[in-house]
Amino acid sequence: MDDAARHAQNSSYETLAGQGEAELRVERSRFVALAAPVADEASARLLLAELSRRHHDARHVCFAWRGGPGSGGRELRSDAGEPAGTAGEPILAALRHAGLAEAIVVVARWFGGVKLGPGGLSRAYGAAAAAALAAAPRRLVIPGAEHRLRFAYALEKTIAHLLERHDGRVVRREYGPQVDWRVWLPNAMRDAFDTVLAEVTAGTVALDNATDGEENG
């Protein structure tokens, strides 16, 4: 994995915590927008198909989607029959401006009989998308993983303090011949925690293999 990919995998990002809706009317054309959290391309296309069926009487159902770090920065957009660049691109611009990943905005348009022109269309689609995004709750995603730690009872307070310093937490505690913890750590803190852990335990305690996960703020 190169440095750019590692940085993307470890970096926190903002997405939606639920859906947001908005409706806009411009020169008798009606624009209905839905913003929603969608983690992958397949799910984005499924939601688009569902909304296209729901709004079967709309003249156009346009959308844009932005993936998260795991997608390699992939983005999708569609003008759905509108003049090129007047729908999908301004919707995507609204997502970018909001700084959101793993999110989709779908905007359906019912033509009102008055042509808006390329500029008017772009502004209307962008405004509808921005309004739906503003209506949706957000959450912070901190990429992380769970690990297993086994250590002597005498080290419990020390390791608990190390976890706190590195923004980690204990997921599960078991006590037998040794303390056996399942812990969660942000990916960005893994190496630093491992280094300090080796120093304070003289190399007798180490993290096991990671289980991918995330922490939502």
N, C-alpha and C. Protein backbone atom coordinates (compact mmCIF):
# COMPACT_ATOMS: atom_id res chain seq x y z
N MET A 1 0.84 -1.20 0.00
CA MET A 1 0.00 0.00 0.00
C MET A 1 0.88 1.25 0.00
N ASP A 2 0.65 2.19 -0.95
CA ASP A 2 1.47 3.39 -0.98
C ASP A 2 1.01 4.39 0.08
N ASP A 3 1.79 5.48 0.22
CA ASP A 3 1.50 6.45 1.29
C ASP A 3 0.14 7.11 1.11
N ALA A 4 -0.23 7.40 -0.15
CA ALA A 4 -1.53 8.06 -0.39
C ALA A 4 -2.68 7.14 0.00
N ALA A 5 -2.59 5.86 -0.36
CA ALA A 5 -3.64 4.91 -0.01
C ALA A 5 -3.72 4.70 1.49
N ARG A 6 -2.56 4.65 2.14
CA ARG A 6 -2.54 4.47 3.60
C ARG A 6 -3.16 5.68 4.28
N HIS A 7 -2.86 6.87 3.78
CA HIS A 7 -3.44 8.09 4.37
C HIS A 7 -4.95 8.09 4.23
N ALA A 8 -5.45 7.69 3.05
CA ALA A 8 -6.90 7.64 2.82
C ALA A 8 -7.57 6.64 3.74
N GLN A 9 -6.92 5.50 3.94
CA GLN A 9 -7.49 4.45 4.79
C GLN A 9 -7.57 4.90 6.24
N ASN A 10 -6.63 5.73 6.67
CA ASN A 10 -6.55 6.13 8.07
C ASN A 10 -7.30 7.42 8.38
N SER A 11 -7.64 8.21 7.37
CA SER A 11 -8.22 9.53 7.60
C SER A 11 -9.70 9.46 7.94
N SER A 12 -10.12 10.28 8.89
CA SER A 12 -11.54 10.39 9.20
C SER A 12 -12.25 11.16 8.09
N TYR A 13 -13.54 10.96 7.96
CA TYR A 13 -14.31 11.67 6.96
C TYR A 13 -15.75 11.81 7.43
N GLU A 14 -16.47 12.74 6.81
CA GLU A 14 -17.84 13.00 7.20
C GLU A 14 -18.80 12.42 6.16
N THR A 15 -19.88 11.83 6.64
CA THR A 15 -20.93 11.32 5.77
C THR A 15 -22.28 11.67 6.39
N LEU A 16 -23.34 11.13 5.81
CA LEU A 16 -24.68 11.41 6.34
C LEU A 16 -25.08 10.34 7.35
N ALA A 17 -25.82 10.75 8.37
CA ALA A 17 -26.33 9.82 9.38
C ALA A 17 -27.77 9.42 9.08
N GLY A 18 -28.37 10.03 8.09
CA GLY A 18 -29.75 9.73 7.72
C GLY A 18 -30.10 10.50 6.47
N GLN A 19 -31.36 10.46 6.10
CA GLN A 19 -31.80 11.09 4.86
C GLN A 19 -32.23 12.54 5.07
N GLY A 20 -32.15 13.30 3.98
CA GLY A 20 -32.66 14.66 3.95
C GLY A 20 -33.42 14.87 2.66
N GLU A 21 -34.51 15.63 2.70
CA GLU A 21 -35.32 15.86 1.51
C GLU A 21 -35.56 17.35 1.33
N ALA A 22 -35.76 17.74 0.08
CA ALA A 22 -36.07 19.14 -0.22
C ALA A 22 -36.86 19.21 -1.52
N GLU A 23 -37.66 20.25 -1.65
CA GLU A 23 -38.42 20.49 -2.88
C GLU A 23 -38.25 21.94 -3.30
N LEU A 24 -38.06 22.12 -4.59
CA LEU A 24 -37.82 23.45 -5.13
C LEU A 24 -38.64 23.63 -6.40
N ARG A 25 -39.22 24.81 -6.58
CA ARG A 25 -39.96 25.12 -7.81
C ARG A 25 -39.31 26.31 -8.50
N VAL A 26 -38.99 26.14 -9.77
CA VAL A 26 -38.36 27.19 -10.56
C VAL A 26 -39.09 27.29 -11.89
N GLU A 27 -39.71 28.43 -12.16
CA GLU A 27 -40.44 28.63 -13.42
C GLU A 27 -41.38 27.46 -13.74
N ARG A 28 -42.14 27.06 -12.71
CA ARG A 28 -43.14 26.01 -12.81
C ARG A 28 -42.55 24.59 -12.90
N SER A 29 -41.23 24.46 -13.05
CA SER A 29 -40.62 23.13 -12.94
C SER A 29 -40.47 22.78 -11.47
N ARG A 30 -40.71 21.51 -11.16
CA ARG A 30 -40.64 21.04 -9.78
C ARG A 30 -39.43 20.13 -9.62
N PHE A 31 -38.60 20.40 -8.60
CA PHE A 31 -37.42 19.61 -8.31
C PHE A 31 -37.57 18.99 -6.92
N VAL A 32 -37.50 17.67 -6.83
CA VAL A 32 -37.58 16.97 -5.54
C VAL A 32 -36.26 16.24 -5.33
N ALA A 33 -35.58 16.54 -4.24
CA ALA A 33 -34.24 16.00 -3.98
C ALA A 33 -34.24 15.13 -2.73
N LEU A 34 -33.46 14.05 -2.79
CA LEU A 34 -33.24 13.18 -1.63
C LEU A 34 -31.75 12.98 -1.46
N ALA A 35 -31.25 13.24 -0.26
CA ALA A 35 -29.86 12.96 0.09
C ALA A 35 -29.85 11.79 1.07
N ALA A 36 -28.91 10.85 0.90
CA ALA A 36 -28.88 9.66 1.76
C ALA A 36 -27.46 9.12 1.89
N PRO A 37 -27.18 8.45 3.00
CA PRO A 37 -25.88 7.78 3.13
C PRO A 37 -25.87 6.50 2.30
N VAL A 38 -24.87 6.33 1.45
CA VAL A 38 -24.73 5.14 0.61
C VAL A 38 -23.24 4.82 0.52
N ALA A 39 -22.86 3.63 0.98
CA ALA A 39 -21.44 3.32 1.11
C ALA A 39 -20.77 2.89 -0.18
N ASP A 40 -21.50 2.27 -1.11
CA ASP A 40 -20.85 1.70 -2.28
C ASP A 40 -21.66 1.95 -3.55
N GLU A 41 -21.00 1.72 -4.68
CA GLU A 41 -21.60 2.02 -5.98
C GLU A 41 -22.85 1.17 -6.24
N ALA A 42 -22.79 -0.11 -5.89
CA ALA A 42 -23.94 -0.99 -6.13
C ALA A 42 -25.17 -0.49 -5.38
N SER A 43 -24.99 -0.09 -4.11
CA SER A 43 -26.12 0.43 -3.32
C SER A 43 -26.63 1.75 -3.88
N ALA A 44 -25.71 2.56 -4.41
CA ALA A 44 -26.12 3.83 -5.01
C ALA A 44 -27.03 3.58 -6.21
N ARG A 45 -26.66 2.61 -7.04
CA ARG A 45 -27.48 2.32 -8.23
C ARG A 45 -28.82 1.70 -7.85
N LEU A 46 -28.84 0.91 -6.78
CA LEU A 46 -30.12 0.34 -6.31
C LEU A 46 -31.07 1.43 -5.84
N LEU A 47 -30.53 2.38 -5.07
CA LEU A 47 -31.38 3.48 -4.58
C LEU A 47 -31.87 4.33 -5.74
N LEU A 48 -30.99 4.58 -6.71
CA LEU A 48 -31.40 5.35 -7.89
C LEU A 48 -32.54 4.64 -8.63
N ALA A 49 -32.43 3.32 -8.80
CA ALA A 49 -33.48 2.57 -9.48
C ALA A 49 -34.80 2.64 -8.72
N GLU A 50 -34.70 2.57 -7.38
CA GLU A 50 -35.92 2.64 -6.55
C GLU A 50 -36.60 4.00 -6.70
N LEU A 51 -35.80 5.07 -6.66
CA LEU A 51 -36.38 6.40 -6.77
C LEU A 51 -36.88 6.68 -8.18
N SER A 52 -36.23 6.09 -9.18
CA SER A 52 -36.73 6.25 -10.55
C SER A 52 -38.10 5.61 -10.71
N ARG A 53 -38.30 4.48 -10.05
CA ARG A 53 -39.63 3.84 -10.07
C ARG A 53 -40.65 4.68 -9.31
N ARG A 54 -40.23 5.21 -8.17
CA ARG A 54 -41.14 6.02 -7.36
C ARG A 54 -41.56 7.28 -8.12
N HIS A 55 -40.61 7.88 -8.82
CA HIS A 55 -40.88 9.11 -9.56
C HIS A 55 -41.00 8.81 -11.06
N HIS A 56 -41.74 7.79 -11.40
CA HIS A 56 -41.83 7.34 -12.79
C HIS A 56 -42.41 8.40 -13.72
N ASP A 57 -43.17 9.33 -13.15
CA ASP A 57 -43.79 10.36 -13.98
C ASP A 57 -42.92 11.61 -14.13
N ALA A 58 -41.72 11.60 -13.51
CA ALA A 58 -40.81 12.74 -13.64
C ALA A 58 -40.15 12.72 -15.01
N ARG A 59 -39.83 13.90 -15.53
CA ARG A 59 -39.17 13.99 -16.84
C ARG A 59 -37.72 13.49 -16.73
N HIS A 60 -37.06 13.81 -15.61
CA HIS A 60 -35.66 13.43 -15.42
C HIS A 60 -35.44 13.03 -13.96
N VAL A 61 -34.61 12.00 -13.73
CA VAL A 61 -34.19 11.62 -12.38
C VAL A 61 -32.66 11.56 -12.41
N CYS A 62 -32.04 12.61 -11.92
CA CYS A 62 -30.58 12.78 -12.00
C CYS A 62 -29.96 12.53 -10.63
N PHE A 63 -28.66 12.24 -10.61
CA PHE A 63 -28.04 11.94 -9.32
C PHE A 63 -26.53 12.17 -9.38
N ALA A 64 -25.94 12.16 -8.18
CA ALA A 64 -24.49 12.10 -8.02
C ALA A 64 -24.19 11.35 -6.73
N TRP A 65 -23.05 10.64 -6.72
CA TRP A 65 -22.63 9.86 -5.55
C TRP A 65 -21.13 10.01 -5.38
N ARG A 66 -20.71 10.10 -4.12
CA ARG A 66 -19.27 10.14 -3.79
C ARG A 66 -18.95 8.97 -2.87
N GLY A 67 -17.92 8.21 -3.23
CA GLY A 67 -17.48 7.11 -2.39
C GLY A 67 -16.57 7.59 -1.27
N GLY A 68 -16.25 6.67 -0.38
CA GLY A 68 -15.34 6.96 0.72
C GLY A 68 -13.93 6.52 0.41
N PRO A 69 -13.05 6.47 1.41
CA PRO A 69 -11.66 6.08 1.19
C PRO A 69 -11.51 4.71 0.54
N GLY A 70 -12.40 3.79 0.87
CA GLY A 70 -12.30 2.45 0.30
C GLY A 70 -12.61 2.37 -1.17
N SER A 71 -13.23 3.43 -1.73
CA SER A 71 -13.61 3.42 -3.15
C SER A 71 -12.54 4.03 -4.03
N GLY A 72 -11.45 4.49 -3.42
CA GLY A 72 -10.42 5.15 -4.20
C GLY A 72 -10.84 6.52 -4.72
N GLY A 73 -11.77 7.15 -4.01
CA GLY A 73 -12.24 8.48 -4.43
C GLY A 73 -13.18 8.44 -5.61
N ARG A 74 -13.82 7.30 -5.85
CA ARG A 74 -14.71 7.16 -7.00
C ARG A 74 -15.95 8.06 -6.85
N GLU A 75 -16.38 8.63 -7.97
CA GLU A 75 -17.57 9.46 -8.02
C GLU A 75 -18.43 9.06 -9.23
N LEU A 76 -19.75 9.18 -9.06
CA LEU A 76 -20.68 8.91 -10.15
C LEU A 76 -21.60 10.11 -10.31
N ARG A 77 -22.08 10.34 -11.54
CA ARG A 77 -23.06 11.38 -11.78
C ARG A 77 -23.82 11.07 -13.06
N SER A 78 -25.02 11.57 -13.17
CA SER A 78 -25.82 11.36 -14.38
C SER A 78 -26.73 12.55 -14.62
N ASP A 79 -26.78 13.00 -15.89
CA ASP A 79 -27.70 14.07 -16.28
C ASP A 79 -29.07 13.53 -16.67
N ALA A 80 -29.17 12.22 -16.88
CA ALA A 80 -30.45 11.55 -17.17
C ALA A 80 -31.27 12.27 -18.24
N GLY A 81 -30.60 12.66 -19.32
CA GLY A 81 -31.32 13.28 -20.43
C GLY A 81 -31.33 14.79 -20.43
N GLU A 82 -30.92 15.42 -19.33
CA GLU A 82 -30.78 16.88 -19.33
C GLU A 82 -29.54 17.23 -20.16
N PRO A 83 -29.41 18.48 -20.62
CA PRO A 83 -28.20 18.87 -21.35
C PRO A 83 -26.94 18.55 -20.54
N ALA A 84 -25.90 18.09 -21.23
CA ALA A 84 -24.69 17.61 -20.56
C ALA A 84 -24.15 18.64 -19.58
N GLY A 85 -23.88 18.17 -18.36
CA GLY A 85 -23.27 19.01 -17.35
C GLY A 85 -24.21 19.90 -16.57
N THR A 86 -25.52 19.83 -16.84
CA THR A 86 -26.45 20.74 -16.17
C THR A 86 -27.14 20.14 -14.95
N ALA A 87 -26.96 18.84 -14.69
CA ALA A 87 -27.65 18.19 -13.57
C ALA A 87 -26.69 17.42 -12.68
N GLY A 88 -26.10 16.35 -13.23
CA GLY A 88 -25.21 15.53 -12.42
C GLY A 88 -24.04 16.29 -11.85
N GLU A 89 -23.44 17.16 -12.65
CA GLU A 89 -22.27 17.91 -12.19
C GLU A 89 -22.59 18.89 -11.07
N PRO A 90 -23.66 19.70 -11.17
CA PRO A 90 -23.98 20.59 -10.04
C PRO A 90 -24.42 19.83 -8.79
N ILE A 91 -25.04 18.66 -8.96
CA ILE A 91 -25.38 17.85 -7.78
C ILE A 91 -24.11 17.36 -7.11
N LEU A 92 -23.16 16.87 -7.93
CA LEU A 92 -21.88 16.41 -7.39
C LEU A 92 -21.12 17.56 -6.73
N ALA A 93 -21.20 18.74 -7.33
CA ALA A 93 -20.54 19.91 -6.75
C ALA A 93 -21.08 20.22 -5.36
N ALA A 94 -22.39 20.02 -5.16
CA ALA A 94 -22.99 20.24 -3.84
C ALA A 94 -22.44 19.25 -2.82
N LEU A 95 -22.26 18.00 -3.24
CA LEU A 95 -21.67 16.99 -2.35
C LEU A 95 -20.23 17.34 -1.99
N ARG A 96 -19.48 17.76 -3.00
CA ARG A 96 -18.08 18.15 -2.75
C ARG A 96 -18.00 19.35 -1.83
N HIS A 97 -18.85 20.34 -2.08
CA HIS A 97 -18.84 21.55 -1.26
C HIS A 97 -19.18 21.22 0.19
N ALA A 98 -20.07 20.25 0.38
CA ALA A 98 -20.45 19.84 1.73
C ALA A 98 -19.37 18.99 2.39
N GLY A 99 -18.39 18.52 1.61
CA GLY A 99 -17.30 17.72 2.15
C GLY A 99 -17.73 16.33 2.57
N LEU A 100 -18.71 15.75 1.87
CA LEU A 100 -19.29 14.48 2.28
C LEU A 100 -18.82 13.34 1.38
N ALA A 101 -18.62 12.18 1.99
CA ALA A 101 -18.28 10.95 1.27
C ALA A 101 -19.32 9.89 1.60
N GLU A 102 -19.34 8.81 0.80
CA GLU A 102 -20.31 7.72 0.99
C GLU A 102 -21.73 8.29 1.08
N ALA A 103 -22.05 9.16 0.14
CA ALA A 103 -23.36 9.82 0.15
C ALA A 103 -23.85 10.02 -1.28
N ILE A 104 -25.16 10.02 -1.44
CA ILE A 104 -25.80 10.20 -2.74
C ILE A 104 -26.86 11.29 -2.64
N VAL A 105 -27.06 12.02 -3.74
CA VAL A 105 -28.20 12.93 -3.86
C VAL A 105 -28.89 12.61 -5.19
N VAL A 106 -30.19 12.38 -5.13
CA VAL A 106 -31.00 12.12 -6.32
C VAL A 106 -32.00 13.27 -6.45
N VAL A 107 -32.07 13.84 -7.64
CA VAL A 107 -33.00 14.96 -7.86
C VAL A 107 -33.90 14.62 -9.05
N ALA A 108 -35.20 14.57 -8.79
CA ALA A 108 -36.19 14.33 -9.85
C ALA A 108 -36.78 15.67 -10.28
N ARG A 109 -37.00 15.81 -11.61
CA ARG A 109 -37.55 17.06 -12.13
C ARG A 109 -38.81 16.79 -12.96
N TRP A 110 -39.84 17.54 -12.65
CA TRP A 110 -41.05 17.55 -13.45
C TRP A 110 -41.07 18.87 -14.24
N PHE A 111 -41.08 18.78 -15.54
CA PHE A 111 -41.01 19.96 -16.40
C PHE A 111 -42.29 20.77 -16.31
N GLY A 112 -42.13 22.07 -16.15
CA GLY A 112 -43.30 22.93 -15.97
C GLY A 112 -43.71 23.71 -17.20
N GLY A 113 -43.04 23.44 -18.34
CA GLY A 113 -43.43 24.11 -19.56
C GLY A 113 -42.57 25.29 -19.94
N VAL A 114 -41.67 25.72 -19.05
CA VAL A 114 -40.79 26.85 -19.34
C VAL A 114 -39.35 26.35 -19.34
N LYS A 115 -38.65 26.54 -20.44
CA LYS A 115 -37.25 26.10 -20.50
C LYS A 115 -36.38 27.00 -19.64
N LEU A 116 -35.50 26.37 -18.85
CA LEU A 116 -34.68 27.12 -17.91
C LEU A 116 -33.32 27.49 -18.48
N GLY A 117 -32.91 26.82 -19.55
CA GLY A 117 -31.58 27.07 -20.10
C GLY A 117 -30.52 26.39 -19.26
N PRO A 118 -29.32 26.20 -19.82
CA PRO A 118 -28.26 25.48 -19.09
C PRO A 118 -27.93 26.10 -17.74
N GLY A 119 -27.81 27.43 -17.70
CA GLY A 119 -27.48 28.08 -16.43
C GLY A 119 -28.57 27.91 -15.40
N GLY A 120 -29.82 28.09 -15.83
CA GLY A 120 -30.94 27.93 -14.90
C GLY A 120 -31.06 26.51 -14.38
N LEU A 121 -30.86 25.53 -15.27
CA LEU A 121 -30.90 24.13 -14.85
C LEU A 121 -29.82 23.84 -13.82
N SER A 122 -28.59 24.26 -14.11
CA SER A 122 -27.47 24.00 -13.19
C SER A 122 -27.74 24.59 -11.82
N ARG A 123 -28.22 25.83 -11.81
CA ARG A 123 -28.49 26.47 -10.51
C ARG A 123 -29.61 25.75 -9.76
N ALA A 124 -30.65 25.32 -10.48
CA ALA A 124 -31.78 24.66 -9.82
C ALA A 124 -31.38 23.30 -9.26
N TYR A 125 -30.67 22.51 -10.05
CA TYR A 125 -30.24 21.20 -9.56
C TYR A 125 -29.26 21.35 -8.39
N GLY A 126 -28.36 22.29 -8.51
CA GLY A 126 -27.42 22.50 -7.41
C GLY A 126 -28.10 22.97 -6.14
N ALA A 127 -29.07 23.87 -6.28
CA ALA A 127 -29.78 24.39 -5.11
C ALA A 127 -30.62 23.30 -4.45
N ALA A 128 -31.29 22.46 -5.27
CA ALA A 128 -32.10 21.38 -4.71
C ALA A 128 -31.22 20.39 -3.96
N ALA A 129 -30.07 20.04 -4.54
CA ALA A 129 -29.15 19.12 -3.88
C ALA A 129 -28.63 19.70 -2.57
N ALA A 130 -28.23 20.97 -2.60
CA ALA A 130 -27.71 21.61 -1.39
C ALA A 130 -28.77 21.66 -0.29
N ALA A 131 -30.02 21.92 -0.66
CA ALA A 131 -31.09 21.98 0.34
C ALA A 131 -31.34 20.61 0.97
N ALA A 132 -31.30 19.53 0.16
CA ALA A 132 -31.49 18.19 0.71
C ALA A 132 -30.35 17.82 1.64
N LEU A 133 -29.12 18.17 1.26
CA LEU A 133 -27.97 17.89 2.12
C LEU A 133 -28.04 18.67 3.43
N ALA A 134 -28.50 19.91 3.36
CA ALA A 134 -28.62 20.72 4.57
C ALA A 134 -29.67 20.15 5.53
N ALA A 135 -30.64 19.42 4.98
CA ALA A 135 -31.71 18.85 5.81
C ALA A 135 -31.33 17.50 6.42
N ALA A 136 -30.20 16.93 6.01
CA ALA A 136 -29.82 15.60 6.47
C ALA A 136 -28.84 15.68 7.64
N PRO A 137 -28.99 14.79 8.63
CA PRO A 137 -28.02 14.75 9.73
C PRO A 137 -26.68 14.18 9.25
N ARG A 138 -25.62 14.50 9.95
CA ARG A 138 -24.28 14.06 9.56
C ARG A 138 -23.62 13.28 10.68
N ARG A 139 -22.57 12.55 10.31
CA ARG A 139 -21.76 11.85 11.31
C ARG A 139 -20.32 11.79 10.83
N LEU A 140 -19.41 11.74 11.80
CA LEU A 140 -18.00 11.60 11.50
C LEU A 140 -17.61 10.14 11.58
N VAL A 141 -16.91 9.65 10.55
CA VAL A 141 -16.44 8.27 10.52
C VAL A 141 -14.94 8.27 10.78
N ILE A 142 -14.52 7.53 11.80
CA ILE A 142 -13.11 7.39 12.13
C ILE A 142 -12.72 5.94 11.83
N PRO A 143 -11.99 5.70 10.74
CA PRO A 143 -11.61 4.32 10.42
C PRO A 143 -10.76 3.72 11.54
N GLY A 144 -11.11 2.50 11.92
CA GLY A 144 -10.38 1.84 13.00
C GLY A 144 -10.54 0.34 12.92
N ALA A 145 -10.01 -0.35 13.90
CA ALA A 145 -10.06 -1.80 13.90
C ALA A 145 -10.03 -2.32 15.33
N GLU A 146 -10.54 -3.53 15.50
CA GLU A 146 -10.48 -4.20 16.79
C GLU A 146 -9.26 -5.11 16.85
N HIS A 147 -8.70 -5.22 18.05
CA HIS A 147 -7.51 -6.03 18.28
C HIS A 147 -7.67 -6.77 19.61
N ARG A 148 -6.90 -7.83 19.75
CA ARG A 148 -6.91 -8.56 21.01
C ARG A 148 -5.61 -8.28 21.77
N LEU A 149 -5.75 -8.02 23.06
CA LEU A 149 -4.61 -7.80 23.94
C LEU A 149 -4.68 -8.76 25.12
N ARG A 150 -3.61 -9.49 25.34
CA ARG A 150 -3.52 -10.38 26.51
C ARG A 150 -2.28 -9.99 27.31
N PHE A 151 -2.48 -9.80 28.62
CA PHE A 151 -1.37 -9.28 29.43
C PHE A 151 -1.58 -9.62 30.91
N ALA A 152 -0.52 -9.42 31.68
CA ALA A 152 -0.56 -9.69 33.11
C ALA A 152 -1.43 -8.66 33.83
N TYR A 153 -2.04 -9.07 34.93
CA TYR A 153 -2.92 -8.19 35.69
C TYR A 153 -2.22 -6.91 36.12
N ALA A 154 -0.93 -7.00 36.40
CA ALA A 154 -0.19 -5.83 36.88
C ALA A 154 -0.11 -4.72 35.83
N LEU A 155 -0.37 -5.06 34.57
CA LEU A 155 -0.28 -4.07 33.49
C LEU A 155 -1.62 -3.43 33.14
N GLU A 156 -2.69 -3.82 33.82
CA GLU A 156 -4.03 -3.39 33.41
C GLU A 156 -4.19 -1.86 33.42
N LYS A 157 -3.79 -1.22 34.49
CA LYS A 157 -3.95 0.24 34.55
C LYS A 157 -3.08 0.94 33.53
N THR A 158 -1.87 0.43 33.34
CA THR A 158 -0.95 1.03 32.37
C THR A 158 -1.52 0.97 30.96
N ILE A 159 -2.04 -0.20 30.58
CA ILE A 159 -2.56 -0.37 29.23
C ILE A 159 -3.87 0.41 29.05
N ALA A 160 -4.68 0.47 30.08
CA ALA A 160 -5.90 1.27 30.01
C ALA A 160 -5.56 2.74 29.76
N HIS A 161 -4.51 3.22 30.41
CA HIS A 161 -4.07 4.61 30.22
C HIS A 161 -3.55 4.82 28.79
N LEU A 162 -2.79 3.85 28.27
CA LEU A 162 -2.29 3.94 26.90
C LEU A 162 -3.43 4.00 25.89
N LEU A 163 -4.45 3.18 26.10
CA LEU A 163 -5.60 3.20 25.20
C LEU A 163 -6.27 4.57 25.19
N GLU A 164 -6.45 5.13 26.37
CA GLU A 164 -7.10 6.44 26.48
C GLU A 164 -6.27 7.50 25.75
N ARG A 165 -4.95 7.45 25.91
CA ARG A 165 -4.07 8.43 25.26
C ARG A 165 -4.11 8.33 23.74
N HIS A 166 -4.44 7.14 23.22
CA HIS A 166 -4.44 6.93 21.78
C HIS A 166 -5.86 6.81 21.21
N ASP A 167 -6.84 7.37 21.95
CA ASP A 167 -8.23 7.43 21.50
C ASP A 167 -8.85 6.05 21.27
N GLY A 168 -8.36 5.07 22.00
CA GLY A 168 -8.91 3.71 21.91
C GLY A 168 -9.91 3.44 23.01
N ARG A 169 -10.49 2.26 22.97
CA ARG A 169 -11.45 1.86 24.01
C ARG A 169 -11.49 0.34 24.10
N VAL A 170 -11.94 -0.15 25.25
CA VAL A 170 -12.09 -1.59 25.46
C VAL A 170 -13.48 -2.01 24.99
N VAL A 171 -13.54 -2.98 24.10
CA VAL A 171 -14.81 -3.48 23.58
C VAL A 171 -15.32 -4.63 24.44
N ARG A 172 -14.40 -5.51 24.89
CA ARG A 172 -14.80 -6.66 25.69
C ARG A 172 -13.68 -7.00 26.67
N ARG A 173 -14.07 -7.33 27.91
CA ARG A 173 -13.10 -7.70 28.93
C ARG A 173 -13.34 -9.14 29.38
N GLU A 174 -12.28 -9.93 29.46
CA GLU A 174 -12.34 -11.27 30.02
C GLU A 174 -11.14 -11.44 30.95
N TYR A 175 -11.38 -12.16 32.05
CA TYR A 175 -10.33 -12.33 33.05
C TYR A 175 -10.17 -13.81 33.35
N GLY A 176 -8.95 -14.29 33.17
CA GLY A 176 -8.61 -15.68 33.45
C GLY A 176 -7.20 -15.70 34.02
N PRO A 177 -6.35 -16.60 33.54
CA PRO A 177 -4.96 -16.57 33.97
C PRO A 177 -4.29 -15.24 33.63
N GLN A 178 -4.76 -14.59 32.55
CA GLN A 178 -4.32 -13.24 32.16
C GLN A 178 -5.54 -12.37 31.89
N VAL A 179 -5.30 -11.07 31.79
CA VAL A 179 -6.33 -10.17 31.30
C VAL A 179 -6.42 -10.36 29.78
N ASP A 180 -7.64 -10.48 29.28
CA ASP A 180 -7.86 -10.71 27.85
C ASP A 180 -8.87 -9.67 27.36
N TRP A 181 -8.38 -8.68 26.62
CA TRP A 181 -9.22 -7.59 26.16
C TRP A 181 -9.36 -7.61 24.64
N ARG A 182 -10.55 -7.26 24.19
CA ARG A 182 -10.76 -6.90 22.79
C ARG A 182 -10.87 -5.38 22.78
N VAL A 183 -9.98 -4.72 22.04
CA VAL A 183 -9.93 -3.26 22.06
C VAL A 183 -10.12 -2.71 20.65
N TRP A 184 -10.58 -1.47 20.59
CA TRP A 184 -10.71 -0.76 19.32
C TRP A 184 -9.74 0.41 19.31
N LEU A 185 -9.04 0.58 18.16
CA LEU A 185 -8.12 1.70 17.99
C LEU A 185 -8.35 2.36 16.63
N PRO A 186 -8.24 3.67 16.55
CA PRO A 186 -8.25 4.31 15.23
C PRO A 186 -7.05 3.82 14.42
N ASN A 187 -7.24 3.61 13.14
CA ASN A 187 -6.12 3.18 12.29
C ASN A 187 -4.93 4.13 12.40
N ALA A 188 -5.23 5.41 12.49
CA ALA A 188 -4.16 6.41 12.53
C ALA A 188 -3.32 6.32 13.80
N MET A 189 -3.84 5.66 14.84
CA MET A 189 -3.13 5.56 16.12
C MET A 189 -2.46 4.20 16.32
N ARG A 190 -2.71 3.26 15.42
CA ARG A 190 -2.25 1.88 15.60
C ARG A 190 -0.73 1.79 15.80
N ASP A 191 0.04 2.38 14.90
CA ASP A 191 1.50 2.24 14.97
C ASP A 191 2.07 2.91 16.21
N ALA A 192 1.55 4.09 16.53
CA ALA A 192 2.05 4.80 17.72
C ALA A 192 1.74 4.01 18.98
N PHE A 193 0.53 3.46 19.07
CA PHE A 193 0.16 2.66 20.24
C PHE A 193 1.05 1.43 20.36
N ASP A 194 1.26 0.75 19.24
CA ASP A 194 2.07 -0.46 19.23
C ASP A 194 3.49 -0.18 19.70
N THR A 195 4.04 0.95 19.27
CA THR A 195 5.41 1.32 19.66
C THR A 195 5.52 1.56 21.16
N VAL A 196 4.59 2.36 21.69
CA VAL A 196 4.63 2.67 23.13
C VAL A 196 4.33 1.42 23.95
N LEU A 197 3.39 0.59 23.46
CA LEU A 197 3.06 -0.65 24.16
C LEU A 197 4.29 -1.54 24.30
N ALA A 198 5.06 -1.66 23.23
CA ALA A 198 6.28 -2.49 23.27
C ALA A 198 7.29 -1.91 24.27
N GLU A 199 7.35 -0.59 24.33
CA GLU A 199 8.32 0.04 25.25
C GLU A 199 7.95 -0.19 26.71
N VAL A 200 6.68 0.03 27.05
CA VAL A 200 6.31 -0.06 28.48
C VAL A 200 6.15 -1.49 28.97
N THR A 201 6.00 -2.45 28.04
CA THR A 201 5.86 -3.85 28.45
C THR A 201 7.10 -4.68 28.11
N ALA A 202 8.18 -3.99 27.69
CA ALA A 202 9.43 -4.67 27.32
C ALA A 202 9.19 -5.73 26.25
N GLY A 203 8.24 -5.44 25.35
CA GLY A 203 7.99 -6.35 24.24
C GLY A 203 7.20 -7.59 24.58
N THR A 204 6.62 -7.64 25.78
CA THR A 204 5.88 -8.85 26.18
C THR A 204 4.42 -8.82 25.75
N VAL A 205 3.92 -7.66 25.31
CA VAL A 205 2.52 -7.53 24.89
C VAL A 205 2.49 -6.90 23.50
N ALA A 206 1.65 -7.46 22.62
CA ALA A 206 1.51 -6.91 21.28
C ALA A 206 0.06 -7.06 20.82
N LEU A 207 -0.34 -6.24 19.87
CA LEU A 207 -1.66 -6.35 19.29
C LEU A 207 -1.72 -7.54 18.36
N ASP A 208 -2.89 -8.20 18.31
CA ASP A 208 -3.07 -9.29 17.34
C ASP A 208 -3.47 -8.70 16.00
N ASN A 209 -3.82 -9.55 15.03
CA ASN A 209 -4.27 -9.09 13.73
C ASN A 209 -5.55 -8.28 13.87
N ALA A 210 -5.70 -7.27 13.00
CA ALA A 210 -6.83 -6.34 13.10
C ALA A 210 -8.07 -6.89 12.46
N THR A 211 -9.20 -6.47 12.99
CA THR A 211 -10.51 -6.68 12.36
C THR A 211 -11.02 -5.33 11.95
N ASP A 212 -11.28 -5.12 10.65
CA ASP A 212 -11.67 -3.79 10.17
C ASP A 212 -12.96 -3.33 10.85
N GLY A 213 -13.02 -2.04 11.07
CA GLY A 213 -14.22 -1.46 11.66
C GLY A 213 -14.14 0.05 11.59
N GLU A 214 -15.11 0.70 12.18
CA GLU A 214 -15.10 2.16 12.19
C GLU A 214 -15.80 2.65 13.43
N GLU A 215 -15.44 3.86 13.80
CA GLU A 215 -16.06 4.53 14.94
C GLU A 215 -16.82 5.72 14.41
N ASN A 216 -18.05 5.88 14.82
CA ASN A 216 -18.87 6.98 14.34
C ASN A 216 -19.01 8.06 15.40
N GLY A 217 -18.66 9.27 15.02
CA GLY A 217 -18.78 10.37 15.96
C GLY A 217 -20.10 11.05 15.82
